[in-house]
Amino acid sequence: MKFPKRPIYKLRLPRNRQMVLGERTLIMGVLNVTPDSFSDGGRFFDKPKAIERAKEMIDEGVDIIDIGGESARPFSDPIPLDEEMRRTIPVIEAVRSISEDIPISIDTTKAEVARAALNAGADIINDISALRFDPDMVRVAADFGVPVVLMHMLGTPKTMQENPTYRSLISEIISFLQQRIEVAVEGGIDFEQLVVDPGIGFGKTLEHNLRLIKDLDLFHSLERPLLLGASRKRFIGAVLDLPVEEREVGTAAVNVCGVLAGAHILRVHDVGFHRQAAMMADAVFNVRS
């Protein structure tokens, strides 16, 4: 069995740091500071619990902590700017105080939240709208010079699962991401600082999600690192007929497929479990012929 060669990329982080992608799979741990997350039901909405969870993820070997204050579950509505700031900024400051080095990403579509988060110690912008929802996000990212994750989504969280349809799934998503890369670069963001995410579960049916996993290697045509965020999502529950709290094994299977297709970053909820799965997949992926 032959696997595609995974390209090596380097991202520049604030404070003269860098992140190498491709030598091994990096684990991005999800830290939702929301009361209504689909996956963890607001378990870390309380600040002390969120900080304790961040410490646990660091002990488990997380490579990036992704902090978000607004749920993007299907049919959800956006929250006010000040509420998202209230939820996220104190947690970012606290995580930065316990670790000077761990990369932190801010999961937001709002430019002012991103700006405040970067000033508070975040290193990466993870924008599920691929810079579409807030016209000022491009300028914030360019001004700070940080890495930016561009994700594909059909519509908005409110509408994305209302009968999502495509004429040609893979080519349309690749085209969308290419267009967003061009917008980012035209706005002053360095091409070398961009990461792409096909957006598993964001405006996709069960069949669409499975197809994306199967053909993930085609996204290397964008010449940017690939992030895969399939953790505990509904399509896994649909295949296995399991509730969200019992989808870790299914997530691991999807993630291993992603690693063998050349994914650079896995966005997960259970860091320790999926770090082991990624290490095993890397061992197979990197064995010399």
C-alpha atoms as a PDB file:
ATOM      1  CA  MET A   1       0.000   0.000   0.000  1.00  0.00           C
ATOM      2  CA  LYS A   2       1.424   3.370  -1.045  1.00  0.00           C
ATOM      3  CA  PHE A   3       0.739   6.650   0.728  1.00  0.00           C
ATOM      4  CA  PRO A   4       1.278  10.158  -0.679  1.00  0.00           C
ATOM      5  CA  LYS A   5       4.372  11.959   0.530  1.00  0.00           C
ATOM      6  CA  ARG A   6       3.443  14.571   3.119  1.00  0.00           C
ATOM      7  CA  PRO A   7       5.006  17.967   2.353  1.00  0.00           C
ATOM      8  CA  ILE A   8       6.942  19.755   5.092  1.00  0.00           C
ATOM      9  CA  TYR A   9       5.883  23.308   5.938  1.00  0.00           C
ATOM     10  CA  LYS A  10       6.993  25.863   8.526  1.00  0.00           C
ATOM     11  CA  LEU A  11       4.710  28.423  10.143  1.00  0.00           C
ATOM     12  CA  ARG A  12       6.034  31.516  11.893  1.00  0.00           C
ATOM     13  CA  LEU A  13       4.596  32.165  15.346  1.00  0.00           C
ATOM     14  CA  PRO A  14       4.835  35.293  17.512  1.00  0.00           C
ATOM     15  CA  ARG A  15       7.862  35.794  19.756  1.00  0.00           C
ATOM     16  CA  ASN A  16      10.300  34.395  17.173  1.00  0.00           C
ATOM     17  CA  ARG A  17       8.951  30.841  17.290  1.00  0.00           C
ATOM     18  CA  GLN A  18       8.101  28.482  14.473  1.00  0.00           C
ATOM     19  CA  MET A  19       6.033  25.360  13.989  1.00  0.00           C
ATOM     20  CA  VAL A  20       7.140  22.565  11.674  1.00  0.00           C
ATOM     21  CA  LEU A  21       4.326  20.637  10.005  1.00  0.00           C
ATOM     22  CA  GLY A  22       4.727  17.318   8.263  1.00  0.00           C
ATOM     23  CA  GLU A  23       7.537  15.604  10.133  1.00  0.00           C
ATOM     24  CA  ARG A  24       4.855  14.163  12.421  1.00  0.00           C
ATOM     25  CA  THR A  25       1.129  14.741  12.837  1.00  0.00           C
ATOM     26  CA  LEU A  26       0.319  17.635  15.149  1.00  0.00           C
ATOM     27  CA  ILE A  27      -2.576  17.448  17.604  1.00  0.00           C
ATOM     28  CA  MET A  28      -4.822  20.486  18.042  1.00  0.00           C
ATOM     29  CA  GLY A  29      -6.848  20.147  21.221  1.00  0.00           C
ATOM     30  CA  VAL A  30     -10.330  21.662  21.311  1.00  0.00           C
ATOM     31  CA  LEU A  31     -11.174  23.889  24.278  1.00  0.00           C
ATOM     32  CA  ASN A  32     -14.753  25.113  23.902  1.00  0.00           C
ATOM     33  CA  VAL A  33     -15.657  27.788  26.432  1.00  0.00           C
ATOM     34  CA  THR A  34     -19.308  27.725  25.413  1.00  0.00           C
ATOM     35  CA  PRO A  35     -22.467  26.542  27.189  1.00  0.00           C
ATOM     36  CA  ASP A  36     -23.841  24.786  24.104  1.00  0.00           C
ATOM     37  CA  SER A  37     -21.065  22.905  22.320  1.00  0.00           C
ATOM     38  CA  PHE A  38     -22.329  19.823  20.478  1.00  0.00           C
ATOM     39  CA  SER A  39     -19.415  17.717  21.727  1.00  0.00           C
ATOM     40  CA  ASP A  40     -18.822  18.533  25.387  1.00  0.00           C
ATOM     41  CA  GLY A  41     -22.071  20.168  26.504  1.00  0.00           C
ATOM     42  CA  GLY A  42     -20.476  23.184  28.126  1.00  0.00           C
ATOM     43  CA  ARG A  43     -18.208  21.142  30.427  1.00  0.00           C
ATOM     44  CA  PHE A  44     -15.482  23.796  30.218  1.00  0.00           C
ATOM     45  CA  PHE A  45     -17.667  26.920  30.143  1.00  0.00           C
ATOM     46  CA  ASP A  46     -16.496  27.694  33.675  1.00  0.00           C
ATOM     47  CA  LYS A  47     -13.070  29.414  33.546  1.00  0.00           C
ATOM     48  CA  PRO A  48     -11.339  27.301  36.247  1.00  0.00           C
ATOM     49  CA  LYS A  49     -12.525  24.119  34.518  1.00  0.00           C
ATOM     50  CA  ALA A  50     -11.293  25.421  31.168  1.00  0.00           C
ATOM     51  CA  ILE A  51      -7.859  26.173  32.621  1.00  0.00           C
ATOM     52  CA  GLU A  52      -7.687  22.753  34.259  1.00  0.00           C
ATOM     53  CA  ARG A  53      -8.575  21.139  30.935  1.00  0.00           C
ATOM     54  CA  ALA A  54      -5.823  23.136  29.217  1.00  0.00           C
ATOM     55  CA  LYS A  55      -3.322  21.839  31.765  1.00  0.00           C
ATOM     56  CA  GLU A  56      -4.506  18.282  31.134  1.00  0.00           C
ATOM     57  CA  MET A  57      -4.073  18.701  27.382  1.00  0.00           C
ATOM     58  CA  ILE A  58      -0.549  20.038  27.842  1.00  0.00           C
ATOM     59  CA  ASP A  59       0.287  17.019  30.013  1.00  0.00           C
ATOM     60  CA  GLU A  60      -1.160  14.756  27.297  1.00  0.00           C
ATOM     61  CA  GLY A  61       1.186  16.242  24.691  1.00  0.00           C
ATOM     62  CA  VAL A  62      -1.046  18.654  22.794  1.00  0.00           C
ATOM     63  CA  ASP A  63       0.669  20.693  20.068  1.00  0.00           C
ATOM     64  CA  ILE A  64      -1.922  23.491  19.734  1.00  0.00           C
ATOM     65  CA  ILE A  65      -4.802  24.511  22.012  1.00  0.00           C
ATOM     66  CA  ASP A  66      -7.762  25.820  20.019  1.00  0.00           C
ATOM     67  CA  ILE A  67      -9.936  28.108  22.161  1.00  0.00           C
ATOM     68  CA  GLY A  68     -13.411  29.058  20.952  1.00  0.00           C
ATOM     69  CA  GLY A  69     -16.276  30.945  22.568  1.00  0.00           C
ATOM     70  CA  GLU A  70     -19.017  30.586  19.955  1.00  0.00           C
ATOM     71  CA  SER A  71     -20.668  27.314  19.037  1.00  0.00           C
ATOM     72  CA  ALA A  72     -20.669  26.420  15.346  1.00  0.00           C
ATOM     73  CA  ARG A  73     -23.019  23.470  15.688  1.00  0.00           C
ATOM     74  CA  PRO A  74     -25.645  23.130  12.945  1.00  0.00           C
ATOM     75  CA  PHE A  75     -28.517  25.679  13.121  1.00  0.00           C
ATOM     76  CA  SER A  76     -26.783  27.768  15.807  1.00  0.00           C
ATOM     77  CA  ASP A  77     -26.979  31.561  15.925  1.00  0.00           C
ATOM     78  CA  PRO A  78     -23.984  33.898  16.401  1.00  0.00           C
ATOM     79  CA  ILE A  79     -23.396  35.455  19.805  1.00  0.00           C
ATOM     80  CA  PRO A  80     -22.629  39.125  20.568  1.00  0.00           C
ATOM     81  CA  LEU A  81     -19.051  40.342  20.291  1.00  0.00           C
ATOM     82  CA  ASP A  82     -18.738  41.287  23.959  1.00  0.00           C
ATOM     83  CA  GLU A  83     -19.962  37.881  25.113  1.00  0.00           C
ATOM     84  CA  GLU A  84     -17.461  36.048  22.924  1.00  0.00           C
ATOM     85  CA  MET A  85     -14.682  38.287  24.260  1.00  0.00           C
ATOM     86  CA  ARG A  86     -15.792  37.644  27.834  1.00  0.00           C
ATOM     87  CA  ARG A  87     -15.662  33.912  27.306  1.00  0.00           C
ATOM     88  CA  THR A  88     -12.351  33.615  25.480  1.00  0.00           C
ATOM     89  CA  ILE A  89      -9.876  36.343  26.416  1.00  0.00           C
ATOM     90  CA  PRO A  90      -9.502  35.528  30.149  1.00  0.00           C
ATOM     91  CA  VAL A  91      -8.948  31.859  29.279  1.00  0.00           C
ATOM     92  CA  ILE A  92      -6.300  32.717  26.675  1.00  0.00           C
ATOM     93  CA  GLU A  93      -4.520  34.932  29.196  1.00  0.00           C
ATOM     94  CA  ALA A  94      -4.646  32.170  31.803  1.00  0.00           C
ATOM     95  CA  VAL A  95      -3.366  29.484  29.431  1.00  0.00           C
ATOM     96  CA  ARG A  96      -0.553  31.749  28.329  1.00  0.00           C
ATOM     97  CA  SER A  97       0.363  32.358  31.961  1.00  0.00           C
ATOM     98  CA  ILE A  98       0.832  28.627  32.601  1.00  0.00           C
ATOM     99  CA  SER A  99       2.780  28.012  29.376  1.00  0.00           C
ATOM    100  CA  GLU A 100       4.851  30.524  27.464  1.00  0.00           C
ATOM    101  CA  ASP A 101       5.438  28.173  24.568  1.00  0.00           C
ATOM    102  CA  ILE A 102       2.279  26.169  23.809  1.00  0.00           C
ATOM    103  CA  PRO A 103       0.727  27.555  20.608  1.00  0.00           C
ATOM    104  CA  ILE A 104      -2.808  28.880  21.109  1.00  0.00           C
ATOM    105  CA  SER A 105      -5.299  29.349  18.306  1.00  0.00           C
ATOM    106  CA  ILE A 106      -8.389  31.505  18.591  1.00  0.00           C
ATOM    107  CA  ASP A 107     -11.413  29.921  16.933  1.00  0.00           C
ATOM    108  CA  THR A 108     -13.423  32.951  15.816  1.00  0.00           C
ATOM    109  CA  THR A 109     -14.929  34.696  12.807  1.00  0.00           C
ATOM    110  CA  LYS A 110     -14.816  38.141  14.440  1.00  0.00           C
ATOM    111  CA  ALA A 111     -11.858  40.444  13.784  1.00  0.00           C
ATOM    112  CA  GLU A 112     -12.060  42.226  17.132  1.00  0.00           C
ATOM    113  CA  VAL A 113     -12.078  38.936  19.010  1.00  0.00           C
ATOM    114  CA  ALA A 114      -9.064  37.815  16.997  1.00  0.00           C
ATOM    115  CA  ARG A 115      -7.223  41.069  17.698  1.00  0.00           C
ATOM    116  CA  ALA A 116      -7.897  40.880  21.437  1.00  0.00           C
ATOM    117  CA  ALA A 117      -6.935  37.200  21.509  1.00  0.00           C
ATOM    118  CA  LEU A 118      -3.623  37.837  19.748  1.00  0.00           C
ATOM    119  CA  ASN A 119      -2.872  40.687  22.138  1.00  0.00           C
ATOM    120  CA  ALA A 120      -3.678  38.320  25.010  1.00  0.00           C
ATOM    121  CA  GLY A 121      -1.162  35.727  23.821  1.00  0.00           C
ATOM    122  CA  ALA A 122      -2.801  33.698  21.040  1.00  0.00           C
ATOM    123  CA  ASP A 123      -0.649  32.703  18.063  1.00  0.00           C
ATOM    124  CA  ILE A 124      -3.001  31.497  15.324  1.00  0.00           C
ATOM    125  CA  ILE A 125      -6.378  32.520  13.885  1.00  0.00           C
ATOM    126  CA  ASN A 126      -8.736  29.619  13.124  1.00  0.00           C
ATOM    127  CA  ASP A 127     -11.564  31.126  11.059  1.00  0.00           C
ATOM    128  CA  ILE A 128     -14.323  28.719  10.029  1.00  0.00           C
ATOM    129  CA  SER A 129     -15.619  31.339   7.578  1.00  0.00           C
ATOM    130  CA  ALA A 130     -12.275  31.550   5.754  1.00  0.00           C
ATOM    131  CA  LEU A 131     -12.229  35.342   6.309  1.00  0.00           C
ATOM    132  CA  ARG A 132     -15.738  35.827   4.840  1.00  0.00           C
ATOM    133  CA  PHE A 133     -17.881  36.864   7.798  1.00  0.00           C
ATOM    134  CA  ASP A 134     -15.880  39.887   8.972  1.00  0.00           C
ATOM    135  CA  PRO A 135     -14.163  42.044   6.322  1.00  0.00           C
ATOM    136  CA  ASP A 136     -11.656  43.316   8.910  1.00  0.00           C
ATOM    137  CA  MET A 137     -10.291  39.840   9.670  1.00  0.00           C
ATOM    138  CA  VAL A 138      -7.860  39.940   6.731  1.00  0.00           C
ATOM    139  CA  ARG A 139      -6.340  43.174   8.009  1.00  0.00           C
ATOM    140  CA  VAL A 140      -5.984  41.849  11.562  1.00  0.00           C
ATOM    141  CA  ALA A 141      -4.274  38.687  10.345  1.00  0.00           C
ATOM    142  CA  ALA A 142      -1.989  40.660   8.037  1.00  0.00           C
ATOM    143  CA  ASP A 143      -1.099  43.179  10.740  1.00  0.00           C
ATOM    144  CA  PHE A 144      -0.114  40.482  13.234  1.00  0.00           C
ATOM    145  CA  GLY A 145       1.487  38.212  10.635  1.00  0.00           C
ATOM    146  CA  VAL A 146       0.186  35.059  12.311  1.00  0.00           C
ATOM    147  CA  PRO A 147      -0.845  31.747  10.735  1.00  0.00           C
ATOM    148  CA  VAL A 148      -4.469  31.551   9.601  1.00  0.00           C
ATOM    149  CA  VAL A 149      -6.623  28.447   9.127  1.00  0.00           C
ATOM    150  CA  LEU A 150      -9.060  28.799   6.230  1.00  0.00           C
ATOM    151  CA  MET A 151     -11.988  26.385   6.405  1.00  0.00           C
ATOM    152  CA  HIS A 152     -14.659  25.532   3.861  1.00  0.00           C
ATOM    153  CA  MET A 153     -18.251  25.918   4.953  1.00  0.00           C
ATOM    154  CA  LEU A 154     -21.378  25.958   2.813  1.00  0.00           C
ATOM    155  CA  GLY A 155     -23.362  28.963   4.050  1.00  0.00           C
ATOM    156  CA  THR A 156     -23.359  29.701   7.775  1.00  0.00           C
ATOM    157  CA  PRO A 157     -23.761  27.486  10.861  1.00  0.00           C
ATOM    158  CA  LYS A 158     -27.432  28.491  10.862  1.00  0.00           C
ATOM    159  CA  THR A 159     -28.021  27.287   7.288  1.00  0.00           C
ATOM    160  CA  MET A 160     -25.182  24.915   6.377  1.00  0.00           C
ATOM    161  CA  GLN A 161     -27.116  21.672   6.947  1.00  0.00           C
ATOM    162  CA  GLU A 162     -30.224  22.718   5.028  1.00  0.00           C
ATOM    163  CA  ASN A 163     -29.925  20.243   2.150  1.00  0.00           C
ATOM    164  CA  PRO A 164     -26.233  20.823   1.238  1.00  0.00           C
ATOM    165  CA  THR A 165     -25.645  20.015  -2.423  1.00  0.00           C
ATOM    166  CA  TYR A 166     -22.659  20.108  -4.785  1.00  0.00           C
ATOM    167  CA  ARG A 167     -22.209  19.436  -8.464  1.00  0.00           C
ATOM    168  CA  SER A 168     -18.630  18.296  -7.898  1.00  0.00           C
ATOM    169  CA  LEU A 169     -17.769  18.091  -4.202  1.00  0.00           C
ATOM    170  CA  ILE A 170     -13.975  17.954  -4.193  1.00  0.00           C
ATOM    171  CA  SER A 171     -13.365  20.379  -7.037  1.00  0.00           C
ATOM    172  CA  GLU A 172     -15.827  22.926  -5.598  1.00  0.00           C
ATOM    173  CA  ILE A 173     -14.219  22.844  -2.156  1.00  0.00           C
ATOM    174  CA  ILE A 174     -10.713  23.077  -3.588  1.00  0.00           C
ATOM    175  CA  SER A 175     -11.826  25.989  -5.772  1.00  0.00           C
ATOM    176  CA  PHE A 176     -13.376  27.737  -2.763  1.00  0.00           C
ATOM    177  CA  LEU A 177     -10.211  27.342  -0.700  1.00  0.00           C
ATOM    178  CA  GLN A 178      -8.061  28.547  -3.597  1.00  0.00           C
ATOM    179  CA  GLN A 179     -10.215  31.662  -3.890  1.00  0.00           C
ATOM    180  CA  ARG A 180      -9.944  32.326  -0.160  1.00  0.00           C
ATOM    181  CA  ILE A 181      -6.173  31.889  -0.325  1.00  0.00           C
ATOM    182  CA  GLU A 182      -6.097  34.501  -3.078  1.00  0.00           C
ATOM    183  CA  VAL A 183      -8.222  36.898  -1.005  1.00  0.00           C
ATOM    184  CA  ALA A 184      -5.920  36.400   1.971  1.00  0.00           C
ATOM    185  CA  VAL A 185      -2.755  37.002  -0.025  1.00  0.00           C
ATOM    186  CA  GLU A 186      -4.223  40.050  -1.778  1.00  0.00           C
ATOM    187  CA  GLY A 187      -5.053  41.421   1.677  1.00  0.00           C
ATOM    188  CA  GLY A 188      -1.448  41.138   2.842  1.00  0.00           C
ATOM    189  CA  ILE A 189      -1.396  37.717   4.515  1.00  0.00           C
ATOM    190  CA  ASP A 190       1.711  35.704   3.679  1.00  0.00           C
ATOM    191  CA  PHE A 191       0.890  32.616   1.587  1.00  0.00           C
ATOM    192  CA  GLU A 192       3.338  30.642   3.728  1.00  0.00           C
ATOM    193  CA  GLN A 193       1.224  31.388   6.817  1.00  0.00           C
ATOM    194  CA  LEU A 194      -1.978  29.749   5.527  1.00  0.00           C
ATOM    195  CA  VAL A 195      -3.453  26.378   6.510  1.00  0.00           C
ATOM    196  CA  VAL A 196      -6.495  24.813   4.803  1.00  0.00           C
ATOM    197  CA  ASP A 197      -9.334  22.771   6.281  1.00  0.00           C
ATOM    198  CA  PRO A 198     -11.945  21.049   4.046  1.00  0.00           C
ATOM    199  CA  GLY A 199     -14.586  21.602   6.742  1.00  0.00           C
ATOM    200  CA  ILE A 200     -15.811  18.150   7.698  1.00  0.00           C
ATOM    201  CA  GLY A 201     -19.421  18.468   8.864  1.00  0.00           C
ATOM    202  CA  PHE A 202     -19.860  22.077   7.778  1.00  0.00           C
ATOM    203  CA  GLY A 203     -22.467  21.940   5.033  1.00  0.00           C
ATOM    204  CA  LYS A 204     -21.918  18.283   4.150  1.00  0.00           C
ATOM    205  CA  THR A 205     -23.990  15.127   4.160  1.00  0.00           C
ATOM    206  CA  LEU A 206     -22.781  11.765   5.423  1.00  0.00           C
ATOM    207  CA  GLU A 207     -21.706  10.836   1.899  1.00  0.00           C
ATOM    208  CA  HIS A 208     -19.908  14.162   1.426  1.00  0.00           C
ATOM    209  CA  ASN A 209     -17.904  13.698   4.623  1.00  0.00           C
ATOM    210  CA  LEU A 210     -16.879  10.153   3.738  1.00  0.00           C
ATOM    211  CA  ARG A 211     -15.834  11.287   0.266  1.00  0.00           C
ATOM    212  CA  LEU A 212     -13.719  14.091   1.726  1.00  0.00           C
ATOM    213  CA  ILE A 213     -11.886  11.623   3.958  1.00  0.00           C
ATOM    214  CA  LYS A 214     -11.333   9.213   1.082  1.00  0.00           C
ATOM    215  CA  ASP A 215     -10.008  11.927  -1.272  1.00  0.00           C
ATOM    216  CA  LEU A 216      -8.227  14.108   1.283  1.00  0.00           C
ATOM    217  CA  ASP A 217      -4.898  13.707  -0.516  1.00  0.00           C
ATOM    218  CA  LEU A 218      -6.273  15.767  -3.434  1.00  0.00           C
ATOM    219  CA  PHE A 219      -6.119  18.873  -1.234  1.00  0.00           C
ATOM    220  CA  HIS A 220      -2.322  18.800  -1.411  1.00  0.00           C
ATOM    221  CA  SER A 221      -2.809  20.532  -4.758  1.00  0.00           C
ATOM    222  CA  LEU A 222      -3.335  23.749  -2.766  1.00  0.00           C
ATOM    223  CA  GLU A 223       0.288  23.482  -1.545  1.00  0.00           C
ATOM    224  CA  ARG A 224      -0.676  24.358   2.014  1.00  0.00           C
ATOM    225  CA  PRO A 225      -0.800  22.289   5.227  1.00  0.00           C
ATOM    226  CA  LEU A 226      -3.990  20.315   5.783  1.00  0.00           C
ATOM    227  CA  LEU A 227      -6.043  20.404   8.983  1.00  0.00           C
ATOM    228  CA  LEU A 228      -8.633  17.694   9.584  1.00  0.00           C
ATOM    229  CA  GLY A 229     -11.395  18.361  12.112  1.00  0.00           C
ATOM    230  CA  ALA A 230     -13.651  15.299  12.275  1.00  0.00           C
ATOM    231  CA  SER A 231     -13.702  14.751  16.025  1.00  0.00           C
ATOM    232  CA  ARG A 232     -16.974  13.252  17.342  1.00  0.00           C
ATOM    233  CA  LYS A 233     -18.975  14.657  14.442  1.00  0.00           C
ATOM    234  CA  ARG A 234     -22.450  13.575  13.436  1.00  0.00           C
ATOM    235  CA  PHE A 235     -21.398  11.539  10.400  1.00  0.00           C
ATOM    236  CA  ILE A 236     -19.355   9.262  12.682  1.00  0.00           C
ATOM    237  CA  GLY A 237     -22.421   8.785  14.868  1.00  0.00           C
ATOM    238  CA  ALA A 238     -24.493   8.050  11.769  1.00  0.00           C
ATOM    239  CA  VAL A 239     -22.144   5.304  10.585  1.00  0.00           C
ATOM    240  CA  LEU A 240     -21.701   3.699  14.018  1.00  0.00           C
ATOM    241  CA  ASP A 241     -25.148   4.530  15.444  1.00  0.00           C
ATOM    242  CA  LEU A 242     -23.510   5.994  18.554  1.00  0.00           C
ATOM    243  CA  PRO A 243     -24.083   9.146  20.631  1.00  0.00           C
ATOM    244  CA  VAL A 244     -21.465  11.895  20.706  1.00  0.00           C
ATOM    245  CA  GLU A 245     -19.790  10.653  23.899  1.00  0.00           C
ATOM    246  CA  GLU A 246     -19.085   7.242  22.305  1.00  0.00           C
ATOM    247  CA  ARG A 247     -17.476   8.371  19.036  1.00  0.00           C
ATOM    248  CA  GLU A 248     -13.799   8.377  20.017  1.00  0.00           C
ATOM    249  CA  VAL A 249     -12.914   5.098  18.299  1.00  0.00           C
ATOM    250  CA  GLY A 250     -14.735   6.165  15.139  1.00  0.00           C
ATOM    251  CA  THR A 251     -12.911   9.486  15.263  1.00  0.00           C
ATOM    252  CA  ALA A 252      -9.590   7.669  15.582  1.00  0.00           C
ATOM    253  CA  ALA A 253     -10.361   5.572  12.500  1.00  0.00           C
ATOM    254  CA  VAL A 254     -11.140   8.708  10.495  1.00  0.00           C
ATOM    255  CA  ASN A 255      -8.018  10.450  11.801  1.00  0.00           C
ATOM    256  CA  VAL A 256      -5.760   7.541  10.863  1.00  0.00           C
ATOM    257  CA  CYS A 257      -7.199   7.675   7.342  1.00  0.00           C
ATOM    258  CA  GLY A 258      -6.410  11.400   7.391  1.00  0.00           C
ATOM    259  CA  VAL A 259      -2.820  10.893   8.495  1.00  0.00           C
ATOM    260  CA  LEU A 260      -2.226   8.286   5.794  1.00  0.00           C
ATOM    261  CA  ALA A 261      -3.629  10.781   3.260  1.00  0.00           C
ATOM    262  CA  GLY A 262      -1.125  13.387   4.461  1.00  0.00           C
ATOM    263  CA  ALA A 263      -3.026  15.503   6.997  1.00  0.00           C
ATOM    264  CA  HIS A 264      -0.698  17.732   9.005  1.00  0.00           C
ATOM    265  CA  ILE A 265      -2.947  18.644  11.956  1.00  0.00           C
ATOM    266  CA  LEU A 266      -5.764  16.738  13.649  1.00  0.00           C
ATOM    267  CA  ARG A 267      -8.276  18.807  15.620  1.00  0.00           C
ATOM    268  CA  VAL A 268      -9.553  16.590  18.447  1.00  0.00           C
ATOM    269  CA  HIS A 269     -11.301  16.610  21.813  1.00  0.00           C
ATOM    270  CA  ASP A 270      -9.483  13.694  23.492  1.00  0.00           C
ATOM    271  CA  VAL A 271      -5.828  14.650  23.079  1.00  0.00           C
ATOM    272  CA  GLY A 272      -4.159  11.653  24.698  1.00  0.00           C
ATOM    273  CA  PHE A 273      -6.225   9.072  22.834  1.00  0.00           C
ATOM    274  CA  HIS A 274      -5.711  10.608  19.407  1.00  0.00           C
ATOM    275  CA  ARG A 275      -2.057  11.416  19.990  1.00  0.00           C
ATOM    276  CA  GLN A 276      -1.469   7.673  20.345  1.00  0.00           C
ATOM    277  CA  ALA A 277      -3.457   6.927  17.202  1.00  0.00           C
ATOM    278  CA  ALA A 278      -1.532   9.595  15.289  1.00  0.00           C
ATOM    279  CA  MET A 279       1.821   8.302  16.513  1.00  0.00           C
ATOM    280  CA  MET A 280       0.953   4.813  15.296  1.00  0.00           C
ATOM    281  CA  ALA A 281      -0.272   6.122  11.939  1.00  0.00           C
ATOM    282  CA  ASP A 282       2.900   8.218  11.609  1.00  0.00           C
ATOM    283  CA  ALA A 283       5.025   5.137  12.246  1.00  0.00           C
ATOM    284  CA  VAL A 284       3.319   3.368   9.327  1.00  0.00           C
ATOM    285  CA  PHE A 285       3.308   6.501   7.147  1.00  0.00           C
ATOM    286  CA  ASN A 286       7.006   7.250   7.660  1.00  0.00           C
ATOM    287  CA  VAL A 287       8.486   3.750   7.370  1.00  0.00           C
ATOM    288  CA  ARG A 288      11.103   3.641   4.651  1.00  0.00           C
ATOM    289  CA  SER A 289      10.371   1.582   1.544  1.00  0.00           C
END
